[in-house]
Amino acid sequence: MSVQENSSNNFNWLYYALGLFFGVLTGAIITQNYIFALLGGVLGLLTAGLFLNAIVKGRKY
């Protein structure tokens, strides 16, 4: 029962989705090139992972 309770409060996917979306958006707006937009998405995912593992890791909801 506690496993299901923890998974309902797990919003890590939201950080990754926002990092991917805004990374692609920033790369596309700044360079106006699809290759760099994909690179921006990868950098956004890496930033979201760093944020989750370094800053939010010990936070209790």
N, C-alpha and C. Protein backbone atom coordinates (compact mmCIF):
# COMPACT_ATOMS: atom_id res chain seq x y z
N MET A 1 0.81 -1.19 0.00
CA MET A 1 0.00 0.00 0.00
C MET A 1 0.86 1.27 0.00
N SER A 2 1.98 1.24 0.68
CA SER A 2 2.82 2.44 0.74
C SER A 2 3.52 2.71 -0.59
N VAL A 3 3.77 1.67 -1.39
CA VAL A 3 4.41 1.87 -2.69
C VAL A 3 3.48 2.66 -3.61
N GLN A 4 2.22 2.32 -3.59
CA GLN A 4 1.25 3.05 -4.41
C GLN A 4 1.09 4.47 -3.89
N GLU A 5 1.16 4.66 -2.61
CA GLU A 5 1.02 5.99 -2.04
C GLU A 5 2.20 6.88 -2.43
N ASN A 6 3.42 6.33 -2.44
CA ASN A 6 4.59 7.10 -2.83
C ASN A 6 4.59 7.43 -4.31
N SER A 7 4.11 6.53 -5.14
CA SER A 7 4.12 6.79 -6.58
C SER A 7 3.11 7.85 -6.98
N SER A 8 2.06 8.04 -6.20
CA SER A 8 1.09 9.07 -6.54
C SER A 8 1.62 10.47 -6.22
N ASN A 9 2.59 10.57 -5.33
CA ASN A 9 3.17 11.87 -4.99
C ASN A 9 4.50 12.11 -5.70
N ASN A 10 4.89 11.25 -6.60
CA ASN A 10 6.16 11.37 -7.30
C ASN A 10 5.97 12.22 -8.56
N PHE A 11 6.52 13.43 -8.53
CA PHE A 11 6.38 14.35 -9.65
C PHE A 11 7.70 14.57 -10.39
N ASN A 12 8.61 13.60 -10.31
CA ASN A 12 9.90 13.74 -10.99
C ASN A 12 9.73 13.86 -12.49
N TRP A 13 8.76 13.18 -13.05
CA TRP A 13 8.53 13.23 -14.50
C TRP A 13 8.22 14.66 -14.95
N LEU A 14 7.63 15.46 -14.07
CA LEU A 14 7.27 16.82 -14.42
C LEU A 14 8.52 17.68 -14.64
N TYR A 15 9.53 17.49 -13.78
CA TYR A 15 10.77 18.22 -13.94
C TYR A 15 11.45 17.87 -15.27
N TYR A 16 11.46 16.58 -15.60
CA TYR A 16 12.07 16.15 -16.87
C TYR A 16 11.29 16.67 -18.07
N ALA A 17 9.97 16.65 -17.99
CA ALA A 17 9.15 17.15 -19.10
C ALA A 17 9.34 18.64 -19.30
N LEU A 18 9.38 19.39 -18.21
CA LEU A 18 9.59 20.84 -18.32
C LEU A 18 10.99 21.15 -18.83
N GLY A 19 11.99 20.40 -18.37
CA GLY A 19 13.35 20.61 -18.86
C GLY A 19 13.47 20.33 -20.34
N LEU A 20 12.84 19.25 -20.79
CA LEU A 20 12.87 18.92 -22.21
C LEU A 20 12.15 19.97 -23.04
N PHE A 21 10.97 20.36 -22.62
CA PHE A 21 10.17 21.32 -23.38
C PHE A 21 10.87 22.67 -23.50
N PHE A 22 11.30 23.22 -22.37
CA PHE A 22 11.92 24.54 -22.41
C PHE A 22 13.33 24.50 -23.00
N GLY A 23 14.02 23.37 -22.92
CA GLY A 23 15.31 23.24 -23.60
C GLY A 23 15.14 23.28 -25.10
N VAL A 24 14.17 22.54 -25.62
CA VAL A 24 13.90 22.55 -27.06
C VAL A 24 13.42 23.93 -27.49
N LEU A 25 12.55 24.54 -26.72
CA LEU A 25 12.03 25.86 -27.05
C LEU A 25 13.14 26.90 -27.09
N THR A 26 14.01 26.88 -26.10
CA THR A 26 15.12 27.83 -26.06
C THR A 26 16.09 27.60 -27.21
N GLY A 27 16.43 26.35 -27.48
CA GLY A 27 17.33 26.06 -28.59
C GLY A 27 16.75 26.46 -29.93
N ALA A 28 15.45 26.27 -30.10
CA ALA A 28 14.81 26.62 -31.36
C ALA A 28 14.71 28.14 -31.54
N ILE A 29 14.43 28.85 -30.47
CA ILE A 29 14.29 30.30 -30.59
C ILE A 29 15.63 30.98 -30.80
N ILE A 30 16.64 30.55 -30.07
CA ILE A 30 17.94 31.22 -30.16
C ILE A 30 18.63 30.93 -31.48
N THR A 31 18.67 29.66 -31.90
CA THR A 31 19.44 29.31 -33.11
C THR A 31 18.61 29.17 -34.36
N GLN A 32 17.31 28.95 -34.24
CA GLN A 32 16.40 28.70 -35.36
C GLN A 32 16.90 27.54 -36.22
N ASN A 33 17.36 26.48 -35.54
CA ASN A 33 17.91 25.31 -36.20
C ASN A 33 17.45 24.08 -35.41
N TYR A 34 17.02 23.04 -36.13
CA TYR A 34 16.47 21.86 -35.46
C TYR A 34 17.52 21.05 -34.70
N ILE A 35 18.72 21.03 -35.20
CA ILE A 35 19.77 20.25 -34.55
C ILE A 35 20.10 20.86 -33.19
N PHE A 36 20.20 22.16 -33.13
CA PHE A 36 20.49 22.80 -31.86
C PHE A 36 19.27 22.81 -30.94
N ALA A 37 18.08 22.70 -31.50
CA ALA A 37 16.89 22.55 -30.67
C ALA A 37 16.92 21.20 -29.96
N LEU A 38 17.35 20.15 -30.66
CA LEU A 38 17.51 18.84 -30.02
C LEU A 38 18.62 18.87 -28.97
N LEU A 39 19.69 19.56 -29.25
CA LEU A 39 20.76 19.72 -28.27
C LEU A 39 20.25 20.47 -27.04
N GLY A 40 19.42 21.47 -27.25
CA GLY A 40 18.82 22.19 -26.14
C GLY A 40 17.92 21.29 -25.31
N GLY A 41 17.22 20.37 -25.97
CA GLY A 41 16.39 19.41 -25.24
C GLY A 41 17.22 18.49 -24.36
N VAL A 42 18.35 18.03 -24.90
CA VAL A 42 19.24 17.16 -24.12
C VAL A 42 19.81 17.93 -22.93
N LEU A 43 20.22 19.16 -23.17
CA LEU A 43 20.73 19.98 -22.06
C LEU A 43 19.65 20.28 -21.03
N GLY A 44 18.42 20.44 -21.48
CA GLY A 44 17.30 20.64 -20.55
C GLY A 44 17.06 19.41 -19.70
N LEU A 45 17.15 18.22 -20.29
CA LEU A 45 17.01 16.98 -19.52
C LEU A 45 18.14 16.82 -18.51
N LEU A 46 19.36 17.15 -18.92
CA LEU A 46 20.48 17.07 -17.99
C LEU A 46 20.33 18.06 -16.84
N THR A 47 19.85 19.25 -17.13
CA THR A 47 19.62 20.24 -16.09
C THR A 47 18.54 19.78 -15.12
N ALA A 48 17.48 19.19 -15.65
CA ALA A 48 16.42 18.68 -14.78
C ALA A 48 16.94 17.54 -13.90
N GLY A 49 17.75 16.66 -14.45
CA GLY A 49 18.33 15.58 -13.65
C GLY A 49 19.24 16.10 -12.57
N LEU A 50 20.06 17.09 -12.89
CA LEU A 50 20.92 17.71 -11.90
C LEU A 50 20.10 18.37 -10.81
N PHE A 51 19.06 19.07 -11.20
CA PHE A 51 18.18 19.73 -10.23
C PHE A 51 17.54 18.72 -9.29
N LEU A 52 17.05 17.61 -9.84
CA LEU A 52 16.40 16.60 -9.01
C LEU A 52 17.37 15.91 -8.07
N ASN A 53 18.56 15.57 -8.56
CA ASN A 53 19.50 14.80 -7.74
C ASN A 53 20.31 15.65 -6.79
N ALA A 54 20.44 16.94 -7.04
CA ALA A 54 21.26 17.77 -6.17
C ALA A 54 20.44 18.66 -5.24
N ILE A 55 19.35 19.20 -5.72
CA ILE A 55 18.60 20.18 -4.94
C ILE A 55 17.37 19.59 -4.28
N VAL A 56 16.58 18.83 -5.01
CA VAL A 56 15.29 18.35 -4.52
C VAL A 56 15.39 16.99 -3.86
N LYS A 57 16.54 16.35 -3.87
CA LYS A 57 16.70 14.96 -3.44
C LYS A 57 16.19 14.71 -2.03
N GLY A 58 16.50 15.54 -1.08
CA GLY A 58 16.12 15.30 0.31
C GLY A 58 14.83 15.97 0.74
N ARG A 59 14.13 16.58 -0.15
CA ARG A 59 12.92 17.32 0.20
C ARG A 59 11.76 16.37 0.49
N LYS A 60 11.04 16.63 1.52
CA LYS A 60 9.85 15.84 1.88
C LYS A 60 8.61 16.62 1.45
N TYR A 61 7.63 15.91 0.91
CA TYR A 61 6.42 16.55 0.43
C TYR A 61 5.38 16.56 1.51
